[in-house]
Amino acid sequence: MNTTWFRRRAAQVTAVMLPAALLTVAPSAATAADAGELRVETYVLPLGAPKPSLEELQNGDGTARLRQLAAAEPAAQLALETVGPAASYGSLSTQASGAPSVSERARSSAAAGPRATAPEPARKMSLDECAKGLGTDKKFFVKSRFAVCNGASFVQTWFRNSRPVGESMFNVRVIGTVARNSRTINYAYHFSDFLKTGSNAADGLSITTKGNTPQSWPSGARYIRGGDLPAGARTFAQLRAQSTFKQTVLAKPGQGTGSADLVFAVYEPSVKYTAPAPWALNGNGGNLFMLAPRWDAASYLANSTGGGNPDRKGAATFSYVTPLTLSAKPGAEERAEAQHIRQAFLVPQDTKPYMSAKKVPGQTAKEPLHRTVSEARNKKNRAAAVKQCKRYWGPNYTNGGKECDEYPFASTYEGAAEVEYDPEAKKFNFSAKPIPGDDNQAGGLILKSYYAKNRVIDGLYDGFIVKIVT
């Protein structure tokens, strides 16, 4: 919670954690006859934005600073890591979302057990985790493809005769989670950090909260909604007293496209409000970043039959690029493969086959890898990589139990044979290298389990990147 802009008026600050009897009571709104012009300017800011104090608003450039903060990335509606149809629905942020650190992923992977496997992705998120993940400048946090959150500060400046006389604010965080093998997405709305100072009528603000689905692919997809998200408006004071709500969204199978029965959507939390008379409102709240839910019933992923119940087959996830984490640390089962990939990332000119402008994908969310479940394409990718291992290390490159490791992986569209399918692809934009067979096989097991646990689907409507722990 950022309260620096209120510290100079600490005696007037109202905090949500205080008992109601101790809350500072703001002066009531004056009547139109004796107060002159009464208006409220509203702003939607990042949670940690350095908001000016009331004194700063009254003494000069505070209002200009507020407007500048609100104007940061005004068109951005979706997280940078969004993939699938949603990525083209609205403007993507240019700022990377909050994410667990590589060391946190490494600890999670180490706890997975001795056999090479990807860690289980998180499916829960606390409010504290969301707040920490968003930090002071993020609008979105991706803990996993099954646990994400967004947030914003809603700030109001109260004017009398064009002079700032009061401020108020509250924060909203929305956490989206999906349980294992479930088609139900859970959205938890958290209102917090209610503050007010100076002369205002904040307690009378009428606030309406909605979870909208402005677009689905296919457009005819229908949803079953539940939960206790208020259908009507609540006041500032009421939300301060009851600050947490839930909404569930379920898409039944059988209404998607393709053999994987895919349904994509964008989900937009909206917070709009009106001011009590006689205050005039300039602005009416706003929207948080859209979330990108997805439903599938792919035959190559878990719960493809619903345990015999057709209405439960498949599951939901969120359409975000997330990392496959591999370790190059001593003792890691996949160490040699991780070292090979790191070399391809950092010094591609030293990898084989030689290519002067080599830049392998999978390093950033803008250039992710895409899974293929085509056995034929997988074999062609493998063959193209093996050809280069023989070319540079000779036909006996397997001596000592070595195998030909390739990056990008053979199970991706960007594999070594990409040019055979895409004439615009760059030839030799991959790396092949003999490494110990045990390391190569461990890396393969980790990748396979990553696909399964994260419900990575075939095609260009999904994607992932690779992070190396050193």
Protein backbone atom coordinates (compact mmCIF):
# COMPACT_ATOMS: atom_id res chain seq x y z
CA MET A 1 0.00 0.00 0.00
CA ASN A 2 1.41 3.42 -0.95
CA THR A 3 0.41 6.04 1.65
CA THR A 4 3.23 8.56 1.24
CA TRP A 5 0.92 11.12 -0.33
CA PHE A 6 -1.19 11.14 2.86
CA ARG A 7 1.53 11.18 5.52
CA ARG A 8 1.61 14.95 5.81
CA ARG A 9 -2.01 14.83 6.92
CA ALA A 10 -1.78 11.68 9.01
CA ALA A 11 -4.41 12.82 11.45
CA GLN A 12 -6.95 12.89 8.64
CA VAL A 13 -6.05 9.59 6.97
CA THR A 14 -8.60 6.80 7.04
CA ALA A 15 -7.22 3.26 6.76
CA VAL A 16 -9.32 0.22 5.99
CA MET A 17 -7.73 -1.78 8.79
CA LEU A 18 -8.96 0.63 11.53
CA PRO A 19 -12.23 0.03 13.39
CA ALA A 20 -15.11 2.05 12.01
CA ALA A 21 -15.39 4.04 15.25
CA LEU A 22 -11.83 5.34 14.78
CA LEU A 23 -12.15 6.39 11.14
CA THR A 24 -11.79 10.08 10.38
CA VAL A 25 -15.08 11.53 9.26
CA ALA A 26 -14.69 13.81 6.25
CA PRO A 27 -16.68 17.04 6.25
CA SER A 28 -20.05 16.56 4.61
CA ALA A 29 -20.70 17.98 1.17
CA ALA A 30 -21.92 21.54 1.23
CA THR A 31 -25.12 22.52 -0.51
CA ALA A 32 -24.88 23.94 -4.00
CA ALA A 33 -26.02 27.32 -2.73
CA ASP A 34 -23.13 27.94 -0.35
CA ALA A 35 -20.31 25.83 -1.83
CA GLY A 36 -20.03 27.09 -5.39
CA GLU A 37 -18.78 24.65 -8.03
CA LEU A 38 -18.27 21.12 -6.65
CA ARG A 39 -16.62 18.53 -8.85
CA VAL A 40 -14.60 15.33 -8.62
CA GLU A 41 -11.74 14.33 -10.91
CA THR A 42 -11.00 10.61 -11.08
CA TYR A 43 -7.87 8.71 -12.08
CA VAL A 44 -6.87 5.07 -12.54
CA LEU A 45 -3.22 4.57 -11.59
CA PRO A 46 -0.77 1.71 -11.06
CA LEU A 47 -1.02 0.48 -7.48
CA GLY A 48 2.38 1.78 -6.45
CA ALA A 49 2.30 5.09 -8.29
CA PRO A 50 3.80 7.99 -6.25
CA LYS A 51 0.60 9.97 -5.79
CA PRO A 52 0.87 13.62 -4.74
CA SER A 53 -0.49 14.72 -1.36
CA LEU A 54 -3.39 17.14 -0.93
CA GLU A 55 -0.90 19.87 -0.01
CA GLU A 56 0.99 19.25 -3.24
CA LEU A 57 -2.26 19.41 -5.20
CA GLN A 58 -3.11 22.72 -3.58
CA ASN A 59 0.38 24.21 -3.92
CA GLY A 60 1.09 23.65 -7.61
CA ASP A 61 1.86 20.77 -9.91
CA GLY A 62 0.15 17.88 -8.09
CA THR A 63 -2.82 17.72 -10.45
CA ALA A 64 -0.53 17.70 -13.50
CA ARG A 65 1.44 14.82 -11.95
CA LEU A 66 -1.76 12.85 -11.35
CA ARG A 67 -2.81 13.31 -14.95
CA GLN A 68 0.63 12.29 -16.15
CA LEU A 69 0.55 9.09 -14.06
CA ALA A 70 -2.92 8.25 -15.39
CA ALA A 71 -1.75 8.82 -18.97
CA ALA A 72 1.03 6.19 -18.78
CA GLU A 73 0.28 3.58 -21.45
CA PRO A 74 -3.29 4.86 -21.83
CA ALA A 75 -4.10 2.43 -24.63
CA ALA A 76 -2.69 -0.72 -23.00
CA GLN A 77 -5.43 -3.22 -22.16
CA LEU A 78 -3.66 -6.57 -21.97
CA ALA A 79 -0.51 -8.05 -20.48
CA LEU A 80 2.58 -8.22 -22.68
CA GLU A 81 2.67 -12.03 -22.33
CA THR A 82 -0.82 -12.58 -23.79
CA VAL A 83 -1.07 -15.16 -26.58
CA GLY A 84 -3.90 -16.47 -28.74
CA PRO A 85 -6.73 -14.42 -30.27
CA ALA A 86 -6.88 -12.17 -27.22
CA ALA A 87 -3.43 -10.79 -28.08
CA SER A 88 -4.88 -9.03 -31.12
CA TYR A 89 -8.06 -7.82 -29.43
CA GLY A 90 -6.52 -4.92 -27.52
CA SER A 91 -3.22 -3.13 -27.15
CA LEU A 92 -0.55 -5.07 -25.29
CA SER A 93 1.49 -3.43 -22.57
CA THR A 94 5.10 -2.69 -23.42
CA GLN A 95 6.07 -3.48 -19.83
CA ALA A 96 6.74 -7.04 -18.71
CA SER A 97 4.31 -8.30 -16.08
CA GLY A 98 5.37 -9.30 -12.62
CA ALA A 99 6.51 -12.93 -12.42
CA PRO A 100 8.13 -15.29 -9.91
CA SER A 101 11.90 -14.99 -9.91
CA VAL A 102 14.04 -17.59 -11.64
CA SER A 103 15.36 -18.65 -8.22
CA GLU A 104 11.81 -19.23 -6.98
CA ARG A 105 11.13 -21.43 -9.99
CA ALA A 106 14.39 -23.27 -9.36
CA ARG A 107 13.40 -23.99 -5.75
CA SER A 108 10.04 -25.24 -6.97
CA SER A 109 11.72 -27.48 -9.52
CA ALA A 110 14.15 -28.85 -6.95
CA ALA A 111 11.23 -29.81 -4.72
CA ALA A 112 9.61 -31.79 -7.52
CA GLY A 113 11.67 -34.92 -6.79
CA PRO A 114 14.75 -36.72 -8.06
CA ARG A 115 13.27 -37.74 -11.42
CA ALA A 116 13.52 -35.03 -14.03
CA THR A 117 10.18 -33.26 -14.24
CA ALA A 118 8.76 -29.76 -14.44
CA PRO A 119 7.34 -28.31 -11.21
CA GLU A 120 3.61 -28.24 -10.63
CA PRO A 121 2.30 -24.81 -11.62
CA ALA A 122 0.67 -22.73 -8.89
CA ARG A 123 -3.12 -22.83 -8.79
CA LYS A 124 -3.71 -20.54 -5.82
CA MET A 125 -2.74 -16.98 -5.00
CA SER A 126 -3.21 -14.96 -1.83
CA LEU A 127 -3.90 -11.24 -1.74
CA ASP A 128 -0.44 -10.68 -0.28
CA GLU A 129 1.15 -12.64 -3.14
CA CYS A 130 -0.79 -10.57 -5.66
CA ALA A 131 0.29 -7.33 -3.98
CA LYS A 132 3.91 -8.45 -3.88
CA GLY A 133 3.81 -9.64 -7.50
CA LEU A 134 2.37 -6.37 -8.76
CA GLY A 135 4.90 -4.42 -6.73
CA THR A 136 5.05 -0.67 -7.20
CA ASP A 137 4.78 -0.40 -10.97
CA LYS A 138 3.13 -3.50 -12.47
CA LYS A 139 -0.43 -3.77 -13.71
CA PHE A 140 -0.36 -7.55 -14.09
CA PHE A 141 1.23 -10.53 -12.33
CA VAL A 142 1.58 -14.03 -13.81
CA LYS A 143 2.37 -16.52 -11.07
CA SER A 144 1.48 -19.38 -13.43
CA ARG A 145 -0.94 -20.15 -16.26
CA PHE A 146 -3.48 -21.00 -13.55
CA ALA A 147 -2.90 -18.11 -11.14
CA VAL A 148 -2.77 -14.49 -12.32
CA CYS A 149 -3.82 -11.10 -10.99
CA ASN A 150 -4.18 -7.47 -11.94
CA GLY A 151 -4.73 -4.32 -9.96
CA ALA A 152 -5.17 -0.56 -9.99
CA SER A 153 -5.60 2.41 -7.70
CA PHE A 154 -8.79 4.43 -8.12
CA VAL A 155 -8.09 7.99 -7.00
CA GLN A 156 -10.50 10.89 -6.63
CA THR A 157 -9.64 14.57 -6.19
CA TRP A 158 -12.43 16.77 -4.81
CA PHE A 159 -12.61 20.41 -5.99
CA ARG A 160 -14.51 23.41 -4.73
CA ASN A 161 -14.43 26.38 -7.11
CA SER A 162 -11.55 24.73 -9.03
CA ARG A 163 -9.42 24.40 -5.88
CA PRO A 164 -8.51 20.91 -4.58
CA VAL A 165 -10.10 20.50 -1.14
CA GLY A 166 -9.97 16.73 -0.61
CA GLU A 167 -8.70 13.38 -1.81
CA SER A 168 -9.87 9.80 -1.59
CA MET A 169 -8.81 6.48 -3.04
CA PHE A 170 -9.16 2.72 -2.93
CA ASN A 171 -7.28 -0.15 -4.53
CA VAL A 172 -8.74 -3.06 -6.48
CA ARG A 173 -6.98 -6.35 -7.16
CA VAL A 174 -8.55 -9.20 -9.12
CA ILE A 175 -7.06 -12.68 -8.75
CA GLY A 176 -7.89 -15.36 -11.32
CA THR A 177 -7.26 -19.02 -10.49
CA VAL A 178 -8.12 -22.44 -11.93
CA ALA A 179 -8.14 -25.72 -10.00
CA ARG A 180 -6.59 -28.83 -11.53
CA ASN A 181 -8.61 -30.31 -14.40
CA SER A 182 -11.40 -27.78 -13.89
CA ARG A 183 -13.33 -25.76 -16.47
CA THR A 184 -14.34 -23.20 -13.85
CA ILE A 185 -12.31 -20.01 -13.53
CA ASN A 186 -12.47 -18.28 -10.15
CA TYR A 187 -12.12 -14.51 -9.95
CA ALA A 188 -11.64 -12.92 -6.52
CA TYR A 189 -12.20 -9.15 -6.30
CA HIS A 190 -10.40 -7.43 -3.43
CA PHE A 191 -11.14 -3.80 -2.49
CA SER A 192 -8.61 -2.39 -0.03
CA ASP A 193 -6.63 0.62 1.20
CA PHE A 194 -9.60 2.97 1.48
CA LEU A 195 -8.24 6.42 2.30
CA LYS A 196 -9.64 9.91 2.39
CA THR A 197 -8.46 13.32 3.51
CA GLY A 198 -9.65 16.89 3.43
CA SER A 199 -13.17 17.92 2.46
CA ASN A 200 -14.92 15.22 0.43
CA ALA A 201 -18.04 13.11 0.09
CA ALA A 202 -16.19 9.86 -0.61
CA ASP A 203 -18.43 7.69 1.56
CA GLY A 204 -21.30 8.51 -0.78
CA LEU A 205 -19.55 7.42 -4.00
CA SER A 206 -21.75 4.84 -5.72
CA ILE A 207 -19.51 2.10 -7.14
CA THR A 208 -20.55 -0.56 -9.65
CA THR A 209 -18.27 -3.57 -10.26
CA LYS A 210 -18.61 -5.90 -13.25
CA GLY A 211 -16.69 -8.73 -14.83
CA ASN A 212 -17.35 -8.31 -18.54
CA THR A 213 -16.53 -10.67 -21.40
CA PRO A 214 -16.42 -8.28 -24.37
CA GLN A 215 -15.24 -10.91 -26.88
CA SER A 216 -15.10 -14.68 -27.27
CA TRP A 217 -13.64 -16.94 -29.93
CA PRO A 218 -15.86 -18.43 -31.28
CA SER A 219 -18.24 -15.52 -30.82
CA GLY A 220 -21.16 -17.79 -29.95
CA ALA A 221 -19.53 -19.20 -26.81
CA ARG A 222 -21.72 -19.03 -23.72
CA TYR A 223 -20.79 -19.00 -20.05
CA ILE A 224 -22.28 -20.03 -16.74
CA ARG A 225 -21.56 -17.46 -14.03
CA GLY A 226 -21.75 -17.73 -10.27
CA GLY A 227 -20.44 -16.08 -7.14
CA ASP A 228 -21.43 -13.04 -5.11
CA LEU A 229 -20.14 -10.13 -7.20
CA PRO A 230 -22.72 -7.38 -6.52
CA ALA A 231 -25.29 -6.98 -9.28
CA GLY A 232 -25.87 -3.36 -8.35
CA ALA A 233 -23.94 -0.44 -6.94
CA ARG A 234 -22.28 -0.30 -3.52
CA THR A 235 -21.07 2.85 -1.81
CA PHE A 236 -17.48 3.59 -0.86
CA ALA A 237 -18.45 3.03 2.78
CA GLN A 238 -20.20 -0.29 2.04
CA LEU A 239 -17.24 -1.66 0.09
CA ARG A 240 -14.92 -0.66 2.90
CA ALA A 241 -17.06 -2.77 5.25
CA GLN A 242 -17.38 -5.75 2.87
CA SER A 243 -14.35 -5.73 0.61
CA THR A 244 -14.06 -9.17 -1.04
CA PHE A 245 -16.27 -10.73 -3.70
CA LYS A 246 -16.05 -13.69 -6.05
CA GLN A 247 -17.24 -14.54 -9.53
CA THR A 248 -16.95 -17.88 -11.30
CA VAL A 249 -17.05 -18.37 -15.06
CA LEU A 250 -17.56 -21.78 -16.68
CA ALA A 251 -17.53 -22.62 -20.40
CA LYS A 252 -18.96 -26.03 -21.14
CA PRO A 253 -17.18 -28.28 -23.66
CA GLY A 254 -18.53 -28.81 -27.15
CA GLN A 255 -18.73 -25.16 -28.21
CA GLY A 256 -15.11 -24.59 -29.21
CA THR A 257 -13.20 -24.87 -32.47
CA GLY A 258 -10.93 -27.55 -33.87
CA SER A 259 -10.16 -30.99 -32.52
CA ALA A 260 -9.00 -29.43 -29.23
CA ASP A 261 -12.44 -27.77 -28.74
CA LEU A 262 -10.82 -24.39 -28.06
CA VAL A 263 -12.66 -21.43 -26.57
CA PHE A 264 -10.75 -18.17 -26.02
CA ALA A 265 -12.04 -14.98 -24.41
CA VAL A 266 -11.10 -11.70 -22.82
CA TYR A 267 -12.41 -10.95 -19.33
CA GLU A 268 -12.43 -7.34 -18.21
CA PRO A 269 -12.97 -6.23 -14.59
CA SER A 270 -14.72 -2.87 -14.60
CA VAL A 271 -15.10 -0.39 -11.72
CA LYS A 272 -17.36 2.57 -12.45
CA TYR A 273 -18.87 5.10 -10.08
CA THR A 274 -21.07 8.14 -9.69
CA ALA A 275 -20.68 10.98 -7.18
CA PRO A 276 -23.33 12.04 -4.66
CA ALA A 277 -25.22 15.26 -5.39
CA PRO A 278 -24.30 18.07 -5.69
CA TRP A 279 -20.83 16.93 -6.76
CA ALA A 280 -20.21 16.68 -10.52
CA LEU A 281 -18.02 13.81 -11.67
CA ASN A 282 -15.25 14.27 -14.25
CA GLY A 283 -14.52 10.66 -15.20
CA ASN A 284 -16.31 7.58 -13.92
CA GLY A 285 -13.72 5.03 -12.82
CA GLY A 286 -12.24 2.66 -15.35
CA ASN A 287 -11.21 -0.85 -16.31
CA LEU A 288 -8.41 -3.06 -15.08
CA PHE A 289 -6.24 -4.99 -17.52
CA MET A 290 -8.17 -7.69 -19.32
CA LEU A 291 -7.46 -11.32 -18.48
CA ALA A 292 -7.21 -13.94 -21.23
CA PRO A 293 -8.99 -17.17 -20.24
CA ARG A 294 -8.99 -20.29 -22.42
CA TRP A 295 -10.82 -23.61 -22.38
CA ASP A 296 -9.81 -26.80 -24.20
CA ALA A 297 -10.58 -30.51 -24.40
CA ALA A 298 -7.43 -31.55 -26.28
CA SER A 299 -7.03 -35.31 -26.58
CA TYR A 300 -3.30 -35.09 -25.74
CA LEU A 301 -3.89 -33.25 -22.43
CA ALA A 302 -5.25 -34.38 -19.08
CA ASN A 303 -8.96 -34.94 -18.44
CA SER A 304 -9.75 -35.27 -22.16
CA THR A 305 -12.72 -37.53 -21.36
CA GLY A 306 -13.90 -35.88 -18.15
CA GLY A 307 -13.68 -39.20 -16.34
CA GLY A 308 -16.60 -40.42 -18.40
CA ASN A 309 -18.62 -37.20 -17.96
CA PRO A 310 -18.69 -35.27 -21.28
CA ASP A 311 -19.70 -32.05 -19.50
CA ARG A 312 -16.47 -32.05 -17.50
CA LYS A 313 -13.89 -32.98 -20.10
CA GLY A 314 -10.95 -30.68 -20.66
CA ALA A 315 -9.98 -27.76 -18.47
CA ALA A 316 -9.40 -24.02 -18.33
CA THR A 317 -6.19 -22.05 -18.22
CA PHE A 318 -5.02 -18.53 -19.01
CA SER A 319 -3.40 -17.66 -22.34
CA TYR A 320 -0.02 -16.33 -21.24
CA VAL A 321 3.54 -17.12 -22.25
CA THR A 322 5.27 -18.67 -19.24
CA PRO A 323 8.81 -20.07 -18.91
CA LEU A 324 10.15 -23.59 -19.01
CA THR A 325 12.95 -23.41 -16.43
CA LEU A 326 16.09 -25.51 -16.91
CA SER A 327 19.11 -25.62 -14.63
CA ALA A 328 22.74 -25.30 -15.65
CA LYS A 329 23.90 -25.68 -12.04
CA PRO A 330 26.29 -28.49 -11.08
CA GLY A 331 24.37 -31.64 -10.28
CA ALA A 332 21.29 -30.75 -12.32
CA GLU A 333 20.08 -33.71 -14.36
CA GLU A 334 19.58 -31.56 -17.45
CA ARG A 335 22.72 -29.45 -16.96
CA ALA A 336 24.38 -30.11 -20.33
CA GLU A 337 21.18 -29.31 -22.22
CA ALA A 338 20.70 -26.11 -20.21
CA GLN A 339 24.31 -25.09 -20.93
CA HIS A 340 23.76 -25.73 -24.63
CA ILE A 341 20.63 -23.55 -24.72
CA ARG A 342 22.38 -20.81 -22.75
CA GLN A 343 25.17 -20.82 -25.31
CA ALA A 344 22.62 -20.51 -28.12
CA PHE A 345 21.08 -17.52 -26.34
CA LEU A 346 24.30 -15.70 -25.44
CA VAL A 347 26.82 -16.58 -28.18
CA PRO A 348 24.81 -17.99 -31.09
CA GLN A 349 27.73 -17.37 -33.48
CA ASP A 350 29.66 -20.11 -31.66
CA THR A 351 26.97 -22.73 -32.22
CA LYS A 352 26.49 -25.12 -35.10
CA PRO A 353 25.42 -24.93 -37.84
CA TYR A 354 27.05 -21.58 -38.51
CA MET A 355 24.77 -18.67 -39.37
CA SER A 356 25.99 -15.07 -39.26
CA ALA A 357 22.72 -13.54 -37.99
CA LYS A 358 21.52 -16.42 -35.84
CA LYS A 359 19.00 -15.48 -33.15
CA VAL A 360 17.07 -18.41 -31.79
CA PRO A 361 13.51 -17.81 -30.53
CA GLY A 362 12.14 -18.64 -27.11
CA GLN A 363 14.01 -15.92 -25.23
CA THR A 364 11.23 -13.33 -24.93
CA ALA A 365 7.44 -13.25 -24.84
CA LYS A 366 7.46 -11.48 -28.21
CA GLU A 367 9.27 -14.41 -29.84
CA PRO A 368 8.07 -17.55 -28.03
CA LEU A 369 8.26 -21.20 -29.01
CA HIS A 370 5.14 -23.04 -30.17
CA ARG A 371 4.40 -26.70 -29.50
CA THR A 372 3.67 -29.20 -32.26
CA VAL A 373 2.11 -32.59 -31.60
CA SER A 374 2.80 -33.73 -35.17
CA GLU A 375 4.97 -36.84 -34.99
CA ALA A 376 6.01 -36.32 -38.61
CA ARG A 377 7.23 -32.79 -37.97
CA ASN A 378 8.98 -33.89 -34.80
CA LYS A 379 10.88 -36.55 -36.76
CA LYS A 380 11.86 -34.07 -39.47
CA ASN A 381 13.17 -31.65 -36.85
CA ARG A 382 15.19 -34.43 -35.25
CA ALA A 383 16.59 -35.57 -38.58
CA ALA A 384 17.65 -32.02 -39.51
CA ALA A 385 19.44 -31.62 -36.19
CA VAL A 386 21.18 -35.03 -36.39
CA LYS A 387 22.40 -34.14 -39.87
CA GLN A 388 24.28 -31.17 -38.41
CA CYS A 389 25.71 -33.22 -35.52
CA LYS A 390 27.15 -35.66 -38.08
CA ARG A 391 28.35 -32.82 -40.28
CA TYR A 392 30.39 -31.12 -37.55
CA TRP A 393 31.29 -33.97 -35.19
CA GLY A 394 31.35 -36.88 -37.59
CA PRO A 395 29.28 -40.08 -37.80
CA ASN A 396 30.66 -41.27 -34.47
CA TYR A 397 29.43 -38.26 -32.49
CA THR A 398 27.46 -40.67 -30.26
CA ASN A 399 30.63 -42.25 -28.83
CA GLY A 400 30.61 -42.23 -25.03
CA GLY A 401 26.81 -42.30 -24.84
CA LYS A 402 26.22 -38.89 -26.39
CA GLU A 403 23.08 -37.82 -28.20
CA CYS A 404 22.37 -34.95 -30.57
CA ASP A 405 20.65 -32.17 -28.63
CA GLU A 406 18.80 -29.51 -30.58
CA TYR A 407 17.39 -26.11 -29.78
CA PRO A 408 14.70 -25.03 -30.54
CA PHE A 409 13.23 -28.33 -29.44
CA ALA A 410 12.13 -30.91 -32.00
CA SER A 411 8.60 -30.70 -30.55
CA THR A 412 8.22 -27.06 -31.62
CA TYR A 413 7.26 -25.35 -34.86
CA GLU A 414 10.60 -23.53 -34.69
CA GLY A 415 12.61 -26.78 -34.76
CA ALA A 416 15.51 -27.48 -37.12
CA ALA A 417 13.26 -28.36 -40.08
CA GLU A 418 11.22 -25.16 -39.88
CA VAL A 419 12.40 -24.02 -43.32
CA GLU A 420 10.80 -27.10 -44.90
CA TYR A 421 7.41 -25.83 -43.75
CA ASP A 422 7.89 -22.07 -43.83
CA PRO A 423 9.80 -20.62 -46.81
CA GLU A 424 10.21 -17.31 -44.93
CA ALA A 425 12.00 -18.95 -42.01
CA LYS A 426 15.74 -18.40 -41.69
CA LYS A 427 17.86 -21.38 -42.64
CA PHE A 428 20.11 -22.76 -39.88
CA ASN A 429 18.44 -20.64 -37.18
CA PHE A 430 18.94 -23.43 -34.64
CA SER A 431 21.72 -25.11 -32.71
CA ALA A 432 22.71 -28.79 -32.63
CA LYS A 433 25.32 -30.27 -30.33
CA PRO A 434 26.26 -33.71 -28.94
CA ILE A 435 25.70 -33.87 -25.18
CA PRO A 436 25.57 -36.76 -22.66
CA GLY A 437 22.53 -38.90 -23.33
CA ASP A 438 21.34 -38.78 -19.71
CA ASP A 439 21.22 -34.99 -19.76
CA ASN A 440 19.43 -34.97 -23.09
CA GLN A 441 16.82 -37.44 -21.88
CA ALA A 442 16.32 -35.55 -18.60
CA GLY A 443 15.70 -32.37 -20.56
CA GLY A 444 13.19 -34.19 -22.72
CA LEU A 445 11.30 -35.45 -19.66
CA ILE A 446 11.17 -31.97 -18.16
CA LEU A 447 9.84 -30.52 -21.41
CA LYS A 448 7.22 -33.25 -21.79
CA SER A 449 5.97 -32.74 -18.24
CA TYR A 450 5.98 -28.96 -18.71
CA TYR A 451 3.66 -29.34 -21.71
CA ALA A 452 1.30 -31.58 -19.77
CA LYS A 453 1.20 -29.66 -16.49
CA ASN A 454 0.76 -26.27 -18.18
CA ARG A 455 -1.78 -27.47 -20.80
CA VAL A 456 0.32 -26.20 -23.70
CA ILE A 457 -1.67 -26.73 -26.89
CA ASP A 458 -0.46 -27.36 -30.43
CA GLY A 459 -0.20 -24.37 -32.72
CA LEU A 460 0.51 -20.67 -32.86
CA TYR A 461 -2.30 -19.77 -30.42
CA ASP A 462 -0.08 -20.78 -27.52
CA GLY A 463 3.57 -20.26 -26.63
CA PHE A 464 6.31 -20.55 -24.04
CA ILE A 465 9.85 -19.34 -23.41
CA VAL A 466 12.93 -20.88 -21.78
CA LYS A 467 14.77 -19.58 -18.71
CA ILE A 468 18.14 -20.96 -17.65
CA VAL A 469 19.15 -21.06 -13.97
CA THR A 470 22.91 -20.66 -13.49
